[in-house]
Amino acid sequence: MASPSVQPFDWQRILLSDEMPPLFLLEVGLRCLVVYLMILGALRVTGRRGVRQLSIFELSIILALGSAAGDAMLYHDTPLLHAAVVFVLVSGLYLLFNRLTEKFPKFSDWLEGAPVLLVEEGEINLQNFNKQNLTQKELFGEMRQLQVEHLGQVRRAYIEATGNISLFFFADEDVRPGLPIWPERLTQERRRVEEAGPHACCRCGHVQELAKGSLAECTVCHHDAWITACNDPRIT
C-alpha cells in the first residue's frame, strides 16, 4: 500500500493534527501528567544508585522530554502543539516538585532519599545497609576507589541522595583492625580459623579475637565466615 502523500509546510498538520481535534490537547496534558508520575515512581523504586550523579528530578525531566522532543523533530504526524503541551507541563511539574521538596523536607527525603549511614566505627550498619538497593560488592568497589583497604580505616560512610558514597576516616593512629575489602582478600574467607588473632566477620565487618581451629559466630550478625583482620593505615 502506498503511503499517503505529505504536503510540506502544512500548518494544520504541523501544529495540530489532521486526525485529532484541538480538544485532544487536553488528553495530551493528562497523558503527560500520568506518565511523569509513573517515571518518578519507577525511579523511586529502582533506588538512588540508578540515578547516580543526577537528582531524581533531573533524570525524570530528561526521560519525559526526550521522546517528545525526538518525535516532534522526526515524525510528520507528531504535531508541534502536542509536543509543546508536554514541554510546558513537564517543566511545570519539575518546578512544582522542586518547590515541594524545598518546603516539605519529609517529602524530599521520601522521594529523593536522605543520606544513610552505611559504615559506623569500622563496621557495616546492617540495619541501614539491608534497606538499600546496594550490594556489599558495590559498596566495597566504591570504597576502593577512595583508597580504602579495610573497614577499620573508615569512621563513617554515607550513601547520599545522588547515590555517591561519602567517607570519613580515622586518623592513622586511631585505625583499628577491620575487614579487608580487596577482592583477592575477600576470597579468603574461612569458617574454621587457621591462625589465632583478630578476625573480621565477612558480613558486617565486626572484629573478634578467635583461637586457632575454632568455629565461631559473629556476636553482631551471627554470620560464621571470617577473614584475618587488617590494621594497615590508609595511604593516599
Protein backbone atom coordinates (compact mmCIF):
# COMPACT_ATOMS: atom_id res chain seq x y z
CA MET A 1 0.00 0.00 0.00
CA ALA A 2 1.40 3.36 -0.93
CA SER A 3 1.97 5.78 1.93
CA PRO A 4 -0.18 8.92 1.93
CA SER A 5 1.49 11.97 0.47
CA VAL A 6 2.74 14.61 2.85
CA GLN A 7 2.33 18.25 1.94
CA PRO A 8 5.35 20.25 3.21
CA PHE A 9 4.59 23.18 5.49
CA ASP A 10 1.02 22.11 6.08
CA TRP A 11 0.49 24.18 9.24
CA GLN A 12 -2.65 22.30 10.25
CA ARG A 13 -0.62 19.07 10.34
CA ILE A 14 2.48 20.71 11.86
CA LEU A 15 0.69 22.44 14.74
CA LEU A 16 -2.30 20.22 15.39
CA SER A 17 -3.27 17.07 13.54
CA ASP A 18 -5.31 16.07 10.53
CA GLU A 19 -6.92 13.31 12.58
CA MET A 20 -7.29 14.76 16.09
CA PRO A 21 -9.50 17.68 17.19
CA PRO A 22 -7.95 20.60 19.13
CA LEU A 23 -9.54 19.29 22.35
CA PHE A 24 -7.15 16.33 22.13
CA LEU A 25 -4.52 18.69 23.58
CA LEU A 26 -6.21 18.24 26.97
CA GLU A 27 -5.75 14.50 26.70
CA VAL A 28 -2.10 15.05 25.83
CA GLY A 29 -1.76 17.04 29.06
CA LEU A 30 -3.41 14.28 31.10
CA ARG A 31 -1.21 11.62 29.50
CA CYS A 32 1.84 13.72 30.24
CA LEU A 33 0.91 14.09 33.93
CA VAL A 34 0.26 10.37 34.37
CA VAL A 35 3.46 9.29 32.59
CA TYR A 36 5.57 11.80 34.53
CA LEU A 37 4.26 10.45 37.83
CA MET A 38 4.95 6.92 36.60
CA ILE A 39 8.54 7.92 35.79
CA LEU A 40 9.04 9.38 39.27
CA GLY A 41 7.60 6.24 40.82
CA ALA A 42 9.84 3.96 38.77
CA LEU A 43 12.95 5.98 39.65
CA ARG A 44 11.96 5.89 43.34
CA VAL A 45 11.64 2.09 43.24
CA THR A 46 14.92 1.45 41.39
CA GLY A 47 16.85 3.22 44.11
CA ARG A 48 19.37 6.02 44.33
CA ARG A 49 22.18 4.05 42.69
CA GLY A 50 20.15 4.12 39.49
CA VAL A 51 20.19 7.93 39.41
CA ARG A 52 23.78 8.45 40.45
CA GLN A 53 25.15 11.98 39.85
CA LEU A 54 21.71 13.24 38.77
CA SER A 55 18.84 14.18 41.03
CA ILE A 56 15.66 12.20 40.53
CA PHE A 57 14.04 15.34 39.07
CA GLU A 58 16.85 16.00 36.61
CA LEU A 59 16.66 12.44 35.32
CA SER A 60 12.86 12.48 35.19
CA ILE A 61 12.76 15.58 33.01
CA ILE A 62 15.36 14.08 30.66
CA LEU A 63 13.31 10.91 30.27
CA ALA A 64 9.98 12.68 29.97
CA LEU A 65 11.10 15.24 27.39
CA GLY A 66 13.39 13.02 25.38
CA SER A 67 10.70 11.15 23.49
CA ALA A 68 8.52 14.23 22.99
CA ALA A 69 11.42 16.19 21.53
CA GLY A 70 12.61 13.38 19.29
CA ASP A 71 9.18 12.52 17.93
CA ALA A 72 8.34 16.15 17.18
CA MET A 73 11.59 16.60 15.28
CA LEU A 74 11.42 13.41 13.22
CA TYR A 75 7.84 12.34 12.59
CA HIS A 76 5.45 14.24 10.36
CA ASP A 77 2.40 13.01 12.27
CA THR A 78 3.54 14.42 15.66
CA PRO A 79 2.04 17.93 15.94
CA LEU A 80 4.22 20.63 17.48
CA LEU A 81 1.45 21.87 19.75
CA HIS A 82 1.18 18.40 21.29
CA ALA A 83 4.91 18.41 21.97
CA ALA A 84 4.64 21.97 23.33
CA VAL A 85 1.97 20.88 25.84
CA VAL A 86 4.30 18.10 27.01
CA PHE A 87 7.22 20.51 27.43
CA VAL A 88 5.20 23.09 29.33
CA LEU A 89 3.52 20.58 31.63
CA VAL A 90 6.67 18.57 32.39
CA SER A 91 8.63 21.75 33.08
CA GLY A 92 5.84 22.96 35.36
CA LEU A 93 5.76 19.65 37.22
CA TYR A 94 9.55 19.78 37.60
CA LEU A 95 9.34 23.25 39.18
CA LEU A 96 6.38 22.24 41.36
CA PHE A 97 8.05 19.13 42.76
CA ASN A 98 11.27 21.04 43.39
CA ARG A 99 9.31 23.63 45.38
CA LEU A 100 7.54 20.89 47.32
CA THR A 101 10.83 19.24 48.26
CA GLU A 102 12.19 22.58 49.47
CA LYS A 103 9.07 23.34 51.52
CA PHE A 104 8.46 19.84 52.90
CA PRO A 105 11.74 18.11 53.91
CA LYS A 106 9.98 14.84 54.73
CA PHE A 107 8.55 14.71 51.22
CA SER A 108 12.04 15.33 49.84
CA ASP A 109 13.52 12.55 51.99
CA TRP A 110 10.80 10.13 50.86
CA LEU A 111 11.13 10.93 47.18
CA GLU A 112 14.85 11.53 46.70
CA GLY A 113 16.14 9.86 49.84
CA ALA A 114 18.13 11.23 52.77
CA PRO A 115 21.79 10.38 53.42
CA VAL A 116 22.00 6.94 55.02
CA LEU A 117 24.76 5.76 57.36
CA LEU A 118 26.25 2.52 55.97
CA VAL A 119 29.53 2.13 57.90
CA GLU A 120 29.91 3.18 61.52
CA GLU A 121 33.13 2.90 63.51
CA GLY A 122 34.62 0.41 61.06
CA GLU A 123 31.58 -1.90 60.85
CA ILE A 124 28.71 -2.14 58.36
CA ASN A 125 25.42 -0.90 59.77
CA LEU A 126 23.37 -3.86 58.56
CA GLN A 127 20.04 -2.39 59.63
CA ASN A 128 20.55 0.53 57.24
CA PHE A 129 22.54 -1.34 54.60
CA ASN A 130 19.88 -4.01 54.09
CA LYS A 131 17.30 -1.34 53.26
CA GLN A 132 19.34 -0.03 50.34
CA ASN A 133 19.30 -1.22 46.75
CA LEU A 134 23.01 -1.90 47.13
CA THR A 135 25.26 -4.95 47.40
CA GLN A 136 28.36 -5.36 49.52
CA LYS A 137 30.36 -5.77 46.30
CA GLU A 138 29.16 -2.36 45.04
CA LEU A 139 29.88 -0.67 48.39
CA PHE A 140 33.39 -2.08 48.59
CA GLY A 141 34.05 -1.14 44.96
CA GLU A 142 33.16 2.48 45.72
CA MET A 143 35.35 2.49 48.81
CA ARG A 144 38.36 1.05 46.95
CA GLN A 145 38.16 3.96 44.52
CA LEU A 146 38.72 6.22 47.55
CA GLN A 147 41.84 4.25 48.56
CA VAL A 148 40.23 2.28 51.36
CA GLU A 149 41.97 -1.00 52.16
CA HIS A 150 39.87 -2.21 55.07
CA LEU A 151 36.85 -1.08 57.09
CA GLY A 152 38.98 -0.31 60.15
CA GLN A 153 40.14 2.84 58.34
CA VAL A 154 36.58 4.17 57.99
CA ARG A 155 34.89 6.07 60.80
CA ARG A 156 31.65 6.73 58.91
CA ALA A 157 30.35 6.11 55.38
CA TYR A 158 27.12 7.51 53.95
CA ILE A 159 25.24 6.91 50.74
CA GLU A 160 23.98 10.28 49.53
CA ALA A 161 20.70 11.02 47.74
CA THR A 162 22.69 11.10 44.47
CA GLY A 163 23.97 7.55 45.05
CA ASN A 164 27.53 8.66 45.76
CA ILE A 165 29.41 7.33 48.79
CA SER A 166 30.85 9.84 51.28
CA LEU A 167 33.57 8.67 53.66
CA PHE A 168 35.09 9.97 56.89
CA PHE A 169 38.32 8.37 58.04
CA PHE A 170 40.06 7.61 61.30
CA ALA A 171 43.36 9.33 61.91
CA ASP A 172 46.29 6.97 61.28
CA GLU A 173 46.90 6.49 64.99
CA ASP A 174 43.24 5.56 65.54
CA VAL A 175 42.94 2.99 62.73
CA ARG A 176 41.62 -0.30 64.12
CA PRO A 177 41.63 -3.87 62.76
CA GLY A 178 38.96 -4.23 60.12
CA LEU A 179 37.53 -6.31 57.27
CA PRO A 180 39.84 -6.17 54.21
CA ILE A 181 37.94 -5.15 51.06
CA TRP A 182 40.49 -6.08 48.39
CA PRO A 183 38.85 -8.63 46.06
CA GLU A 184 41.66 -11.16 46.46
CA ARG A 185 41.38 -10.93 50.25
CA LEU A 186 37.62 -11.38 50.20
CA THR A 187 38.04 -14.79 48.58
CA GLN A 188 40.00 -15.99 51.62
CA GLU A 189 37.02 -16.27 53.97
CA ARG A 190 37.08 -19.30 56.24
CA ARG A 191 34.71 -20.85 58.75
CA ARG A 192 37.45 -22.63 60.67
CA VAL A 193 40.12 -20.24 61.92
CA GLU A 194 43.61 -21.18 60.71
CA GLU A 195 45.62 -18.76 62.88
CA ALA A 196 44.77 -17.20 66.22
CA GLY A 197 44.22 -13.46 66.29
CA PRO A 198 41.72 -10.76 65.33
CA HIS A 199 39.33 -11.84 62.58
CA ALA A 200 36.65 -9.81 60.79
CA CYS A 201 33.16 -11.04 60.03
CA CYS A 202 32.65 -11.24 56.28
CA ARG A 203 29.12 -9.88 56.51
CA CYS A 204 29.26 -6.92 58.90
CA GLY A 205 32.98 -6.39 59.49
CA HIS A 206 32.80 -6.87 63.27
CA VAL A 207 36.21 -7.93 64.62
CA GLN A 208 36.68 -10.66 67.23
CA GLU A 209 39.69 -12.41 68.74
CA LEU A 210 39.48 -16.05 67.68
CA ALA A 211 41.56 -19.06 68.67
CA LYS A 212 43.24 -21.29 66.10
CA GLY A 213 40.92 -24.02 64.81
CA SER A 214 37.81 -22.50 66.32
CA LEU A 215 34.38 -22.24 64.73
CA ALA A 216 32.54 -19.11 65.81
CA GLU A 217 29.55 -16.97 65.04
CA CYS A 218 29.72 -13.19 64.85
CA THR A 219 28.28 -11.68 68.02
CA VAL A 220 26.65 -8.90 65.95
CA CYS A 221 25.10 -10.61 62.89
CA HIS A 222 25.64 -14.33 63.74
CA HIS A 223 27.44 -14.98 60.45
CA ASP A 224 30.12 -17.69 60.64
CA ALA A 225 32.63 -16.78 57.88
CA TRP A 226 35.80 -14.90 58.80
CA ILE A 227 38.84 -13.19 57.29
CA THR A 228 42.01 -12.25 59.13
CA ALA A 229 41.60 -8.60 60.09
CA CYS A 230 43.86 -5.92 58.62
CA ASN A 231 45.09 -2.88 60.56
CA ASP A 232 47.22 -1.04 57.97
CA PRO A 233 46.94 2.77 57.98
CA ARG A 234 45.41 4.44 54.95
CA ILE A 235 47.90 5.55 52.30
CA THR A 236 46.60 8.14 49.77
